[in-house]
Amino acid sequence: MCFLMFMFLFFFSMMSFIFMMYLIMNNLVIFFEWELISFNSVSIVMSILFDWMSLLFMMFVLLISSVVIYYSKSYMLSDLNLVRFIILVLLFVFSMILLIISPNIISILLGWDGLGLVSYCLVIYYQNLKSYNAGMLTALSNRIGDVLILMVISWMMNYGSWNYIFYLNFMKNDLIMSIISIMIIMAAMTKSAQIPFSSWLPAAMAAPTPVSALVHSSTLVTAGVYLLIRFNLLILNTFFIKILLLLGMLTMFMAGVSANYEFDLKKIIALSTLSQLGLMMSILSMGFPDLAFFHLLSHAMFKALLFMCAGVIIHMMNDIQDIRYMGGVSMFLPMTSLCLNISNMALCGIPFLAGFYSKDLILDMVSFSNLNLFVFFFYYISTGLTMFYTIRLLMYMMINDYNLLSIYNLYDEDYIMLKSMMVLLFMSIISGSLLSWMIFYYPYMIYLPFNLKMMVIYVSLMGGIMGFMISNMNIYSINKFIMTYNLSSFLCMMWFMPSLSTYGVSYYFLNFGQNLLKTIDMGWSEMYSGQGFMIILKKYSIFYSIFQMNNLKIYLFSFIMWMMIIMYMLIINI
């Protein structure tokens, strides 16, 4: 079944590529409207938009998902429910495609919600407590975005149609459109895991590795960025876009710093995805949606390859994900190490690999823009941090000594995994230059001073040297001499966002509710109503019952008293 699905998706990927080339060469956009129901004056219409952007993105999603399904044939070999897994992955891909080709906000919601629900099923695929917690965090974070899209649908009732593509251009200064734009930005922030919704993305690593390769390269996390690219005409004039720029840069910086503290292989790669999403969001909010889309596609290829290599290494290491146990992997797994290193270099933006074309162009445009020094420094520091954690990962996995507790047989002969990785390796090398020829009709020529042009090289070299130094240091030495324990734990734990997203939204409210119950419901309101009256009456009734129950004693006592009084009276009279 895996091979059949691979062929099916790969064929459609190639078809969409050919179709996209035809549309680009003839400068065409194809818009379908399929009337489902027409009753009196009500017609329910399904609309589909095929332009170069949707077809190109669809081609990338289908290519990566076909390769991931073929990879799963070997990775999930011992799984009893392989067919269920493949069906879930296909549902995931089809939800994404529905989102990509929709010019209509209703069908976007169907794809958007489909992604959220199926991602929950995939995150809890390995059924244990950690997976359930991660799945719940993922699902609930994405529900915020779903609710916002539902609110957008209700606001769009004002325009008489949900085909937003028709009136983005001439209603962008409308008050209702500005409200819609704020909701769209917030929905995209939840799906693309920007601050303060970042904590679900590393938690979603509880899913099987093929799912991580699909989710964190081209599907779930990129849906928010894609939605903002589609709505970019609407959002560019709003004040909220400046906040998005700030939050995107903070996400990029926070993920870069946290990745340098992390020891879980998949979480390091997940945090690098978060860093790149911050880059896409911030460049999009600066007014360059085509650059964001370019980086989105080139990033998809090498990030999927990176996850696949991580999957092979985790498999061979007997399901150990901690990079401190690894080392000398290149001696045992040469082909996987080759793929891992090339995808890592593409991520860092090493010249003439996929990441270089988009990343270099983005940083040049940042240098060229008239934004403040704060933005400039954040971009370049985050680029240096990318090189930092990449070199650290390389040192721990490839160069350091082999660190497993006992001798274990590592081999690199799983040809199904290798064949699927080779497709992405080829694309990780050529996709950057290929896309730059296809997306931009004219070459971007950006003239800058020599040092500013070389700034990317400078910060990358600095990051590389620091990564090398930190990897060779004793683990505690940097924290001992430079930073306090509290500061390093703050940086290590993603600025406490996972704690705030879980305890922060439940613990304090539950505590407040408990106090309210104790002081109001079971406190003052009880004392001044039924309970208080009951206590007073009970006390009085106890007091009276003492007399009533002990009447014989009282009678005898009073008899003796009377007798004593009478005797006293008699004695006095005598």
Protein backbone atom coordinates (compact mmCIF):
# COMPACT_ATOMS: atom_id res chain seq x y z
CA MET A 1 0.00 0.00 0.00
CA CYS A 2 2.85 2.42 0.82
CA PHE A 3 4.38 2.06 -2.65
CA LEU A 4 0.98 2.51 -4.32
CA MET A 5 0.32 5.72 -2.36
CA PHE A 6 3.84 6.92 -3.13
CA MET A 7 3.26 6.47 -6.88
CA PHE A 8 -0.17 8.13 -6.68
CA LEU A 9 1.09 11.24 -4.84
CA PHE A 10 4.32 11.47 -6.83
CA PHE A 11 2.36 11.36 -10.11
CA PHE A 12 0.05 14.18 -8.97
CA SER A 13 3.07 16.17 -7.80
CA MET A 14 4.64 16.00 -11.27
CA MET A 15 1.30 16.82 -12.89
CA SER A 16 0.86 19.93 -10.76
CA PHE A 17 4.43 21.00 -11.62
CA ILE A 18 3.74 20.73 -15.36
CA PHE A 19 0.41 22.53 -14.97
CA MET A 20 2.11 25.28 -12.92
CA MET A 21 4.76 25.81 -15.62
CA TYR A 22 2.00 26.17 -18.20
CA LEU A 23 0.21 28.79 -16.06
CA ILE A 24 3.42 30.76 -15.40
CA MET A 25 4.43 30.81 -19.07
CA ASN A 26 0.98 31.98 -20.18
CA ASN A 27 0.37 34.23 -17.14
CA LEU A 28 -2.93 32.51 -16.32
CA VAL A 29 -5.09 31.98 -13.23
CA ILE A 30 -7.80 29.31 -13.33
CA PHE A 31 -10.84 29.71 -11.07
CA PHE A 32 -13.41 26.89 -10.80
CA GLU A 33 -16.87 27.25 -9.30
CA TRP A 34 -18.75 24.03 -8.69
CA GLU A 35 -22.39 24.51 -7.68
CA LEU A 36 -23.35 21.84 -5.16
CA ILE A 37 -26.94 22.87 -4.32
CA SER A 38 -29.20 25.50 -5.85
CA PHE A 39 -32.52 25.99 -4.04
CA ASN A 40 -34.67 29.06 -4.82
CA SER A 41 -32.17 31.92 -4.55
CA VAL A 42 -29.70 30.04 -2.32
CA SER A 43 -26.76 28.39 -4.05
CA ILE A 44 -23.94 26.58 -2.25
CA VAL A 45 -20.81 26.78 -4.38
CA MET A 46 -17.44 25.06 -3.99
CA SER A 47 -14.70 27.24 -5.48
CA ILE A 48 -11.16 26.19 -6.38
CA LEU A 49 -8.31 28.52 -7.33
CA PHE A 50 -5.39 27.32 -9.43
CA ASP A 51 -2.64 29.89 -9.82
CA TRP A 52 1.15 29.47 -9.88
CA MET A 53 1.38 29.84 -6.10
CA SER A 54 -1.20 27.21 -5.12
CA LEU A 55 0.07 24.72 -7.73
CA LEU A 56 3.72 25.19 -6.77
CA PHE A 57 2.95 24.73 -3.08
CA MET A 58 0.77 21.72 -3.90
CA MET A 59 3.60 20.19 -5.88
CA PHE A 60 5.96 20.54 -2.89
CA VAL A 61 3.42 19.14 -0.41
CA LEU A 62 2.64 16.15 -2.65
CA LEU A 63 6.31 15.44 -3.34
CA ILE A 64 7.30 15.51 0.35
CA SER A 65 4.26 13.47 1.43
CA SER A 66 4.88 10.82 -1.27
CA VAL A 67 8.49 10.46 -0.13
CA VAL A 68 7.43 10.38 3.55
CA ILE A 69 4.90 7.61 2.89
CA TYR A 70 7.53 5.57 1.05
CA TYR A 71 9.91 6.16 3.97
CA SER A 72 7.20 4.98 6.40
CA LYS A 73 7.13 1.62 4.65
CA SER A 74 10.43 0.85 6.37
CA TYR A 75 10.22 3.12 9.43
CA MET A 76 6.80 1.84 10.55
CA LEU A 77 7.48 -1.76 9.44
CA SER A 78 6.83 -3.38 12.82
CA ASP A 79 3.66 -1.35 13.43
CA LEU A 80 0.47 -3.41 13.46
CA ASN A 81 -1.70 -0.50 12.31
CA LEU A 82 0.32 0.64 9.30
CA VAL A 83 -2.76 1.03 7.08
CA ARG A 84 -4.42 3.28 9.66
CA PHE A 85 -1.24 5.37 9.85
CA ILE A 86 -1.09 5.78 6.05
CA ILE A 87 -4.78 6.77 5.93
CA LEU A 88 -4.21 9.40 8.64
CA VAL A 89 -1.23 10.83 6.73
CA LEU A 90 -3.30 10.96 3.52
CA LEU A 91 -6.14 12.73 5.35
CA PHE A 92 -3.59 15.21 6.60
CA VAL A 93 -2.24 15.85 3.10
CA PHE A 94 -5.70 16.23 1.58
CA SER A 95 -6.69 18.73 4.30
CA MET A 96 -3.60 20.77 3.43
CA ILE A 97 -4.38 20.66 -0.29
CA LEU A 98 -7.95 21.80 0.39
CA LEU A 99 -6.52 24.76 2.31
CA ILE A 100 -4.03 25.57 -0.48
CA ILE A 101 -6.50 25.66 -3.38
CA SER A 102 -9.35 27.46 -1.55
CA PRO A 103 -10.23 31.06 -2.39
CA ASN A 104 -13.17 30.66 -0.02
CA ILE A 105 -12.97 31.10 3.76
CA ILE A 106 -15.45 28.24 4.43
CA SER A 107 -13.40 25.64 2.56
CA ILE A 108 -10.27 27.10 4.19
CA LEU A 109 -11.88 26.35 7.57
CA LEU A 110 -12.53 22.74 6.47
CA GLY A 111 -8.86 22.27 5.55
CA TRP A 112 -7.68 24.23 8.61
CA ASP A 113 -9.81 22.20 11.02
CA GLY A 114 -8.93 18.96 9.22
CA LEU A 115 -5.25 19.70 9.83
CA GLY A 116 -5.87 20.36 13.53
CA LEU A 117 -7.94 17.22 14.13
CA VAL A 118 -5.74 14.83 12.15
CA SER A 119 -2.60 16.28 13.77
CA TYR A 120 -4.13 15.42 17.16
CA CYS A 121 -4.68 11.82 16.02
CA LEU A 122 -1.08 11.62 14.75
CA VAL A 123 0.52 13.19 17.84
CA ILE A 124 -1.21 10.66 20.13
CA TYR A 125 -0.33 7.79 17.75
CA TYR A 126 2.08 6.23 20.27
CA GLN A 127 -0.36 5.90 23.12
CA ASN A 128 1.23 7.04 26.37
CA LEU A 129 0.72 9.83 28.87
CA LYS A 130 3.35 12.15 27.35
CA SER A 131 1.77 11.80 23.89
CA TYR A 132 -1.71 12.51 25.25
CA ASN A 133 -0.52 15.68 26.99
CA ALA A 134 1.32 16.82 23.84
CA GLY A 135 -1.73 16.04 21.68
CA MET A 136 -4.04 17.99 23.97
CA LEU A 137 -1.69 20.99 23.99
CA THR A 138 -1.47 20.86 20.16
CA ALA A 139 -5.23 20.50 19.67
CA LEU A 140 -6.20 23.23 22.14
CA SER A 141 -3.63 25.72 20.80
CA ASN A 142 -4.96 25.12 17.28
CA ARG A 143 -8.58 25.47 18.47
CA ILE A 144 -7.94 29.16 19.17
CA GLY A 145 -7.14 29.61 15.48
CA ASP A 146 -10.23 27.63 14.46
CA VAL A 147 -12.48 29.85 16.60
CA LEU A 148 -10.94 32.98 15.07
CA ILE A 149 -11.54 31.65 11.54
CA LEU A 150 -15.19 30.96 12.52
CA MET A 151 -15.45 34.57 13.69
CA VAL A 152 -13.98 35.72 10.36
CA ILE A 153 -16.69 33.72 8.57
CA SER A 154 -19.40 35.46 10.59
CA TRP A 155 -17.87 38.92 9.95
CA MET A 156 -17.60 38.17 6.23
CA MET A 157 -21.41 37.76 6.14
CA ASN A 158 -21.39 41.58 5.78
CA TYR A 159 -19.98 41.27 2.26
CA GLY A 160 -22.49 38.74 0.94
CA SER A 161 -19.84 36.24 -0.16
CA TRP A 162 -17.11 34.19 1.46
CA ASN A 163 -14.88 34.30 -1.62
CA TYR A 164 -12.43 36.70 0.01
CA ILE A 165 -10.19 36.69 -3.08
CA PHE A 166 -12.61 39.02 -4.93
CA TYR A 167 -12.70 41.95 -2.56
CA LEU A 168 -9.37 42.02 -0.76
CA ASN A 169 -8.12 44.69 -3.13
CA PHE A 170 -10.76 47.39 -2.91
CA MET A 171 -12.03 46.93 0.67
CA LYS A 172 -8.72 46.95 2.49
CA ASN A 173 -9.40 50.26 4.28
CA ASP A 174 -12.82 49.18 5.51
CA LEU A 175 -13.37 48.93 9.30
CA ILE A 176 -14.83 45.41 9.09
CA MET A 177 -11.89 44.31 6.93
CA SER A 178 -9.43 45.62 9.54
CA ILE A 179 -11.23 43.56 12.24
CA ILE A 180 -11.07 40.53 9.93
CA SER A 181 -7.36 41.16 9.31
CA ILE A 182 -6.57 41.14 13.07
CA MET A 183 -8.41 37.82 13.44
CA ILE A 184 -6.60 36.33 10.43
CA ILE A 185 -3.20 37.39 11.84
CA MET A 186 -4.00 35.86 15.24
CA ALA A 187 -5.27 32.63 13.66
CA ALA A 188 -2.07 32.39 11.59
CA MET A 189 -0.01 32.97 14.75
CA THR A 190 -1.63 29.98 16.48
CA LYS A 191 -1.09 27.65 13.52
CA SER A 192 2.46 28.80 12.82
CA ALA A 193 3.34 28.71 16.54
CA GLN A 194 4.45 32.29 17.06
CA ILE A 195 4.92 33.69 20.58
CA PRO A 196 2.82 33.22 22.80
CA PHE A 197 1.55 30.01 21.13
CA SER A 198 4.99 28.46 20.54
CA SER A 199 4.91 25.69 23.12
CA TRP A 200 2.86 23.19 21.10
CA LEU A 201 5.40 22.84 18.27
CA PRO A 202 8.20 21.05 20.20
CA ALA A 203 5.52 19.09 22.12
CA ALA A 204 4.17 17.74 18.80
CA MET A 205 7.46 15.80 18.45
CA ALA A 206 5.68 12.99 20.29
CA ALA A 207 4.35 11.94 16.86
CA PRO A 208 6.22 9.33 14.75
CA THR A 209 9.21 10.79 12.85
CA PRO A 210 7.66 10.54 9.34
CA VAL A 211 4.77 12.66 10.63
CA SER A 212 7.24 15.18 12.08
CA ALA A 213 8.95 15.34 8.67
CA LEU A 214 5.63 16.15 7.04
CA VAL A 215 4.14 18.43 9.71
CA HIS A 216 7.22 20.57 10.30
CA SER A 217 8.26 21.03 6.72
CA SER A 218 5.34 21.72 4.43
CA THR A 219 1.94 21.19 6.03
CA LEU A 220 0.60 22.14 9.46
CA VAL A 221 2.99 24.90 10.57
CA THR A 222 3.16 26.52 7.14
CA ALA A 223 -0.64 26.87 6.89
CA GLY A 224 -0.58 30.11 8.91
CA VAL A 225 2.18 31.64 6.79
CA TYR A 226 0.35 30.62 3.58
CA LEU A 227 -2.91 32.17 4.82
CA LEU A 228 -1.13 35.47 5.53
CA ILE A 229 0.50 35.37 2.06
CA ARG A 230 -2.99 35.04 0.57
CA PHE A 231 -4.34 37.88 2.74
CA ASN A 232 -1.23 40.07 2.42
CA LEU A 233 -3.05 42.89 0.59
CA LEU A 234 -5.39 43.21 3.53
CA ILE A 235 -2.91 43.16 6.41
CA LEU A 236 -0.08 45.38 5.18
CA ASN A 237 -1.74 48.67 6.21
CA THR A 238 -2.74 47.61 9.73
CA PHE A 239 -0.96 48.48 12.98
CA PHE A 240 -1.12 44.84 14.04
CA ILE A 241 1.40 43.90 11.34
CA LYS A 242 4.11 45.77 13.31
CA ILE A 243 3.29 43.66 16.37
CA LEU A 244 3.54 40.57 14.17
CA LEU A 245 7.00 41.72 13.03
CA LEU A 246 8.12 42.04 16.65
CA LEU A 247 6.61 38.68 17.69
CA GLY A 248 8.09 36.94 14.62
CA MET A 249 11.57 38.22 15.49
CA LEU A 250 11.19 37.26 19.15
CA THR A 251 10.08 33.75 18.11
CA MET A 252 13.09 33.46 15.81
CA PHE A 253 15.46 34.55 18.58
CA MET A 254 13.82 32.49 21.36
CA ALA A 255 13.85 29.28 19.29
CA GLY A 256 17.50 29.83 18.32
CA VAL A 257 18.58 30.27 21.95
CA SER A 258 16.48 27.33 23.24
CA ALA A 259 17.87 24.99 20.55
CA ASN A 260 21.36 25.55 21.98
CA TYR A 261 20.23 24.23 25.37
CA GLU A 262 18.27 21.25 24.06
CA PHE A 263 19.61 17.67 23.99
CA ASP A 264 16.66 15.90 22.34
CA LEU A 265 17.52 15.47 18.63
CA LYS A 266 13.96 15.93 17.34
CA LYS A 267 13.32 18.93 19.58
CA ILE A 268 16.44 20.68 18.27
CA ILE A 269 15.13 20.27 14.72
CA ALA A 270 11.63 21.37 15.84
CA LEU A 271 13.07 24.54 17.41
CA SER A 272 14.99 25.24 14.20
CA THR A 273 11.62 24.99 12.36
CA LEU A 274 10.19 27.48 14.85
CA SER A 275 13.11 29.81 14.19
CA GLN A 276 12.53 29.65 10.41
CA LEU A 277 8.79 30.25 10.89
CA GLY A 278 9.64 33.38 12.84
CA LEU A 279 11.85 34.44 9.91
CA MET A 280 9.01 33.86 7.42
CA MET A 281 6.47 35.72 9.56
CA SER A 282 8.72 38.72 10.15
CA ILE A 283 9.76 39.12 6.49
CA LEU A 284 6.10 38.77 5.49
CA SER A 285 5.12 41.52 7.91
CA MET A 286 7.80 43.76 6.39
CA GLY A 287 5.88 43.57 3.12
CA PHE A 288 7.68 40.82 1.16
CA PRO A 289 5.16 37.96 0.80
CA ASP A 290 6.97 36.54 -2.26
CA LEU A 291 10.20 36.19 -0.23
CA ALA A 292 8.30 34.51 2.61
CA PHE A 293 6.78 32.06 0.11
CA PHE A 294 10.19 31.43 -1.46
CA HIS A 295 11.73 30.62 1.93
CA LEU A 296 8.69 28.52 2.85
CA LEU A 297 9.26 26.22 -0.13
CA SER A 298 13.04 25.97 0.03
CA HIS A 299 12.86 25.36 3.80
CA ALA A 300 10.30 22.54 3.30
CA MET A 301 12.78 20.37 1.38
CA PHE A 302 15.79 20.40 3.66
CA LYS A 303 13.69 20.31 6.85
CA ALA A 304 11.87 17.14 5.71
CA LEU A 305 15.28 15.62 4.87
CA LEU A 306 16.64 16.63 8.27
CA PHE A 307 13.79 14.87 10.07
CA MET A 308 14.21 11.76 7.93
CA CYS A 309 17.91 11.56 8.80
CA ALA A 310 17.02 12.01 12.47
CA GLY A 311 14.52 9.14 12.10
CA VAL A 312 17.17 6.81 10.67
CA ILE A 313 19.64 7.70 13.44
CA ILE A 314 17.01 7.24 16.19
CA HIS A 315 16.13 3.85 14.65
CA MET A 316 19.73 2.72 14.54
CA MET A 317 20.45 4.02 18.05
CA ASN A 318 17.76 1.73 19.48
CA ASP A 319 15.21 4.55 19.89
CA ILE A 320 17.53 6.91 21.80
CA GLN A 321 16.99 10.59 20.96
CA ASP A 322 19.49 12.18 23.34
CA ILE A 323 22.44 13.59 21.35
CA ARG A 324 24.80 13.08 24.33
CA TYR A 325 24.62 9.32 23.69
CA MET A 326 25.47 9.76 20.01
CA GLY A 327 28.82 10.46 18.44
CA GLY A 328 30.91 9.21 15.55
CA VAL A 329 27.73 8.52 13.57
CA SER A 330 29.53 9.37 10.30
CA MET A 331 31.74 6.29 10.74
CA PHE A 332 28.74 3.96 10.88
CA LEU A 333 26.07 5.71 8.80
CA PRO A 334 27.93 7.48 5.97
CA MET A 335 24.99 8.10 3.62
CA THR A 336 22.66 9.31 6.38
CA SER A 337 25.44 11.58 7.69
CA LEU A 338 25.91 13.01 4.19
CA CYS A 339 22.19 13.82 3.93
CA LEU A 340 22.13 15.25 7.45
CA ASN A 341 25.14 17.50 6.84
CA ILE A 342 23.89 18.79 3.49
CA SER A 343 20.43 19.56 4.91
CA ASN A 344 22.06 21.27 7.91
CA MET A 345 24.25 23.36 5.61
CA ALA A 346 21.19 24.30 3.55
CA LEU A 347 19.49 25.39 6.79
CA CYS A 348 22.48 27.60 7.68
CA GLY A 349 22.41 29.21 4.24
CA ILE A 350 25.75 27.88 2.94
CA PRO A 351 26.16 29.34 -0.58
CA PHE A 352 24.49 27.58 -3.53
CA LEU A 353 22.38 25.16 -1.49
CA ALA A 354 18.58 25.56 -1.18
CA GLY A 355 18.49 27.74 1.94
CA PHE A 356 21.10 30.20 0.67
CA TYR A 357 19.00 31.71 -2.12
CA SER A 358 16.03 32.57 0.09
CA LYS A 359 17.88 33.39 3.32
CA ASP A 360 20.50 35.60 1.71
CA LEU A 361 17.85 37.49 -0.23
CA ILE A 362 15.77 38.02 2.93
CA LEU A 363 18.76 39.34 4.91
CA ASP A 364 19.77 41.60 2.02
CA MET A 365 16.25 43.04 1.94
CA VAL A 366 16.41 43.59 5.72
CA SER A 367 19.71 45.48 5.29
CA PHE A 368 18.12 47.46 2.47
CA SER A 369 14.92 48.37 4.37
CA ASN A 370 14.56 51.54 6.42
CA LEU A 371 13.75 49.73 9.67
CA ASN A 372 15.41 50.30 13.03
CA LEU A 373 18.61 48.80 14.43
CA PHE A 374 16.63 46.53 16.75
CA VAL A 375 15.12 44.64 13.78
CA PHE A 376 18.49 44.52 12.01
CA PHE A 377 20.31 43.01 15.02
CA PHE A 378 17.57 40.48 15.75
CA TYR A 379 17.72 39.14 12.21
CA TYR A 380 21.49 38.78 12.16
CA ILE A 381 21.83 37.39 15.71
CA SER A 382 19.16 34.77 14.89
CA THR A 383 21.10 33.83 11.73
CA GLY A 384 24.24 33.39 13.84
CA LEU A 385 22.29 31.26 16.34
CA THR A 386 21.18 28.96 13.49
CA MET A 387 24.83 28.27 12.70
CA PHE A 388 25.52 27.95 16.45
CA TYR A 389 23.09 25.08 17.12
CA THR A 390 23.88 23.40 13.79
CA ILE A 391 27.61 23.17 14.55
CA ARG A 392 26.80 22.03 18.10
CA LEU A 393 24.59 19.24 16.69
CA LEU A 394 27.30 18.31 14.20
CA MET A 395 29.92 18.12 16.95
CA TYR A 396 27.79 15.99 19.24
CA MET A 397 26.66 13.59 16.51
CA MET A 398 29.45 13.33 13.98
CA ILE A 399 32.75 14.32 15.57
CA ASN A 400 32.61 13.42 19.27
CA ASP A 401 33.30 9.87 20.46
CA TYR A 402 30.67 7.14 20.26
CA ASN A 403 28.84 7.31 23.58
CA LEU A 404 26.25 4.54 23.79
CA LEU A 405 26.27 2.49 26.98
CA SER A 406 27.02 -0.81 25.26
CA ILE A 407 28.26 -1.95 21.85
CA TYR A 408 25.47 -1.76 19.34
CA ASN A 409 25.41 -2.71 15.67
CA LEU A 410 24.87 0.41 13.56
CA TYR A 411 24.27 -0.11 9.86
CA ASP A 412 23.20 2.03 6.94
CA GLU A 413 21.64 -0.51 4.60
CA ASP A 414 17.94 0.33 4.73
CA TYR A 415 17.54 1.05 1.03
CA ILE A 416 13.89 2.13 1.26
CA MET A 417 14.80 4.95 3.67
CA LEU A 418 17.92 5.86 1.66
CA LYS A 419 16.06 6.01 -1.66
CA SER A 420 13.41 8.31 -0.21
CA MET A 421 16.13 10.51 1.32
CA MET A 422 18.00 10.74 -2.00
CA VAL A 423 14.99 12.43 -3.66
CA LEU A 424 14.97 15.12 -1.00
CA LEU A 425 18.76 15.40 -1.02
CA PHE A 426 18.63 16.24 -4.73
CA MET A 427 15.86 18.78 -4.10
CA SER A 428 17.70 20.31 -1.11
CA ILE A 429 20.59 21.12 -3.44
CA ILE A 430 18.70 22.42 -6.49
CA SER A 431 15.33 23.72 -5.21
CA GLY A 432 16.67 27.14 -4.15
CA SER A 433 18.08 28.09 -7.55
CA LEU A 434 15.15 26.43 -9.36
CA LEU A 435 12.59 28.44 -7.38
CA SER A 436 14.49 31.70 -7.74
CA TRP A 437 14.28 31.29 -11.52
CA MET A 438 10.58 30.41 -11.44
CA ILE A 439 9.13 32.80 -8.83
CA PHE A 440 10.94 36.05 -9.74
CA TYR A 441 10.50 37.35 -13.26
CA TYR A 442 13.49 39.64 -12.86
CA PRO A 443 16.60 39.16 -10.70
CA TYR A 444 16.72 40.97 -7.37
CA MET A 445 19.90 43.05 -7.55
CA ILE A 446 20.57 44.61 -4.16
CA TYR A 447 23.49 47.02 -3.93
CA LEU A 448 24.94 47.31 -0.43
CA PRO A 449 28.33 48.28 1.08
CA PHE A 450 30.83 45.39 1.12
CA ASN A 451 30.75 44.82 4.90
CA LEU A 452 26.95 44.87 4.98
CA LYS A 453 26.82 42.40 2.10
CA MET A 454 29.29 40.14 3.91
CA MET A 455 27.44 40.49 7.23
CA VAL A 456 25.72 37.11 6.75
CA ILE A 457 29.12 35.42 6.36
CA TYR A 458 30.49 37.21 9.44
CA VAL A 459 27.63 36.22 11.77
CA SER A 460 27.61 32.64 10.41
CA LEU A 461 31.34 32.28 11.09
CA MET A 462 30.91 33.75 14.58
CA GLY A 463 28.03 31.37 15.30
CA GLY A 464 30.04 28.40 13.95
CA ILE A 465 33.09 29.21 16.10
CA MET A 466 30.95 29.64 19.22
CA GLY A 467 29.11 26.36 18.52
CA PHE A 468 32.45 24.59 18.19
CA MET A 469 33.74 26.12 21.45
CA ILE A 470 30.60 25.36 23.46
CA SER A 471 30.55 21.72 22.25
CA ASN A 472 34.11 21.21 23.49
CA MET A 473 33.48 22.89 26.84
CA ASN A 474 32.40 21.25 30.03
CA ILE A 475 28.60 21.31 30.10
CA TYR A 476 28.31 23.57 33.17
CA SER A 477 31.21 25.94 32.54
CA ILE A 478 29.35 28.54 30.44
CA ASN A 479 26.50 28.78 32.93
CA LYS A 480 28.91 28.90 35.87
CA PHE A 481 30.93 31.87 34.66
CA ILE A 482 28.60 33.84 32.41
CA MET A 483 24.98 33.29 33.44
CA THR A 484 23.03 32.60 36.60
CA TYR A 485 21.05 29.41 37.05
CA ASN A 486 17.72 31.26 36.84
CA LEU A 487 18.59 33.00 33.57
CA SER A 488 19.85 29.81 31.91
CA SER A 489 16.74 27.86 33.03
CA PHE A 490 14.60 30.69 31.59
CA LEU A 491 16.40 30.44 28.22
CA CYS A 492 16.42 26.65 28.31
CA MET A 493 12.67 26.29 28.89
CA MET A 494 11.57 28.39 25.89
CA TRP A 495 11.03 31.46 28.12
CA PHE A 496 8.68 29.36 30.34
CA MET A 497 6.11 29.18 27.55
CA PRO A 498 5.28 25.44 27.93
CA SER A 499 4.60 26.04 31.65
CA LEU A 500 2.49 29.12 30.92
CA SER A 501 0.49 27.28 28.24
CA THR A 502 -0.34 24.40 30.58
CA TYR A 503 -0.25 25.39 34.28
CA GLY A 504 -0.66 29.06 33.42
CA VAL A 505 -4.10 28.59 31.84
CA SER A 506 -5.39 25.94 34.26
CA TYR A 507 -3.69 26.01 37.65
CA TYR A 508 -4.37 29.61 38.68
CA PHE A 509 -7.97 29.58 37.47
CA LEU A 510 -8.66 26.27 39.25
CA ASN A 511 -7.02 27.66 42.41
CA PHE A 512 -9.10 30.83 42.18
CA GLY A 513 -12.24 28.71 41.73
CA GLN A 514 -11.39 26.65 44.79
CA ASN A 515 -10.88 29.78 46.92
CA LEU A 516 -14.14 31.22 45.61
CA LEU A 517 -15.95 28.02 46.53
CA LYS A 518 -14.45 27.99 50.03
CA THR A 519 -15.00 31.67 50.86
CA ILE A 520 -18.25 32.50 49.04
CA ASP A 521 -20.26 29.36 48.23
CA MET A 522 -19.27 27.42 51.34
CA GLY A 523 -18.38 30.52 53.39
CA TRP A 524 -20.24 33.81 53.69
CA SER A 525 -23.31 32.90 51.62
CA GLU A 526 -23.82 29.80 53.76
CA MET A 527 -23.31 31.60 57.08
CA TYR A 528 -25.92 34.25 56.24
CA SER A 529 -28.47 31.81 54.84
CA GLY A 530 -29.59 28.25 55.56
CA GLN A 531 -26.41 26.95 57.14
CA GLY A 532 -26.12 29.84 59.61
CA PHE A 533 -29.77 29.54 60.73
CA MET A 534 -29.36 25.81 61.08
CA ILE A 535 -26.29 26.21 63.34
CA ILE A 536 -28.06 28.76 65.61
CA LEU A 537 -31.20 26.63 65.91
CA LYS A 538 -29.10 23.52 66.51
CA LYS A 539 -27.23 25.22 69.39
CA TYR A 540 -30.48 26.38 71.04
CA SER A 541 -32.13 23.00 70.57
CA ILE A 542 -29.09 21.31 72.17
CA PHE A 543 -29.35 23.73 75.12
CA TYR A 544 -33.09 23.03 75.61
CA SER A 545 -32.73 19.31 75.09
CA ILE A 546 -30.33 19.16 78.06
CA PHE A 547 -33.20 20.28 80.29
CA GLN A 548 -35.73 18.04 78.58
CA MET A 549 -33.61 14.89 78.55
CA ASN A 550 -32.38 15.28 82.17
CA ASN A 551 -35.84 16.05 83.71
CA LEU A 552 -35.63 13.33 86.45
CA LYS A 553 -32.36 14.71 87.76
CA ILE A 554 -33.74 18.24 87.72
CA TYR A 555 -36.93 17.06 89.48
CA LEU A 556 -34.96 15.30 92.23
CA PHE A 557 -32.56 18.22 92.55
CA SER A 558 -35.44 20.71 92.85
CA PHE A 559 -37.23 18.39 95.37
CA ILE A 560 -34.12 18.31 97.57
CA MET A 561 -33.77 22.08 97.24
CA TRP A 562 -37.41 22.61 98.28
CA MET A 563 -37.05 20.20 101.16
CA MET A 564 -33.89 22.02 102.33
CA ILE A 565 -35.66 25.39 102.08
CA ILE A 566 -38.71 24.10 104.00
CA MET A 567 -36.49 22.59 106.70
CA TYR A 568 -34.54 25.86 106.93
CA MET A 569 -37.81 27.80 107.32
CA LEU A 570 -39.05 25.43 110.01
CA ILE A 571 -35.79 25.69 111.96
CA ILE A 572 -35.90 29.50 111.85
CA ASN A 573 -39.53 29.53 113.10
CA ILE A 574 -38.72 27.17 115.99
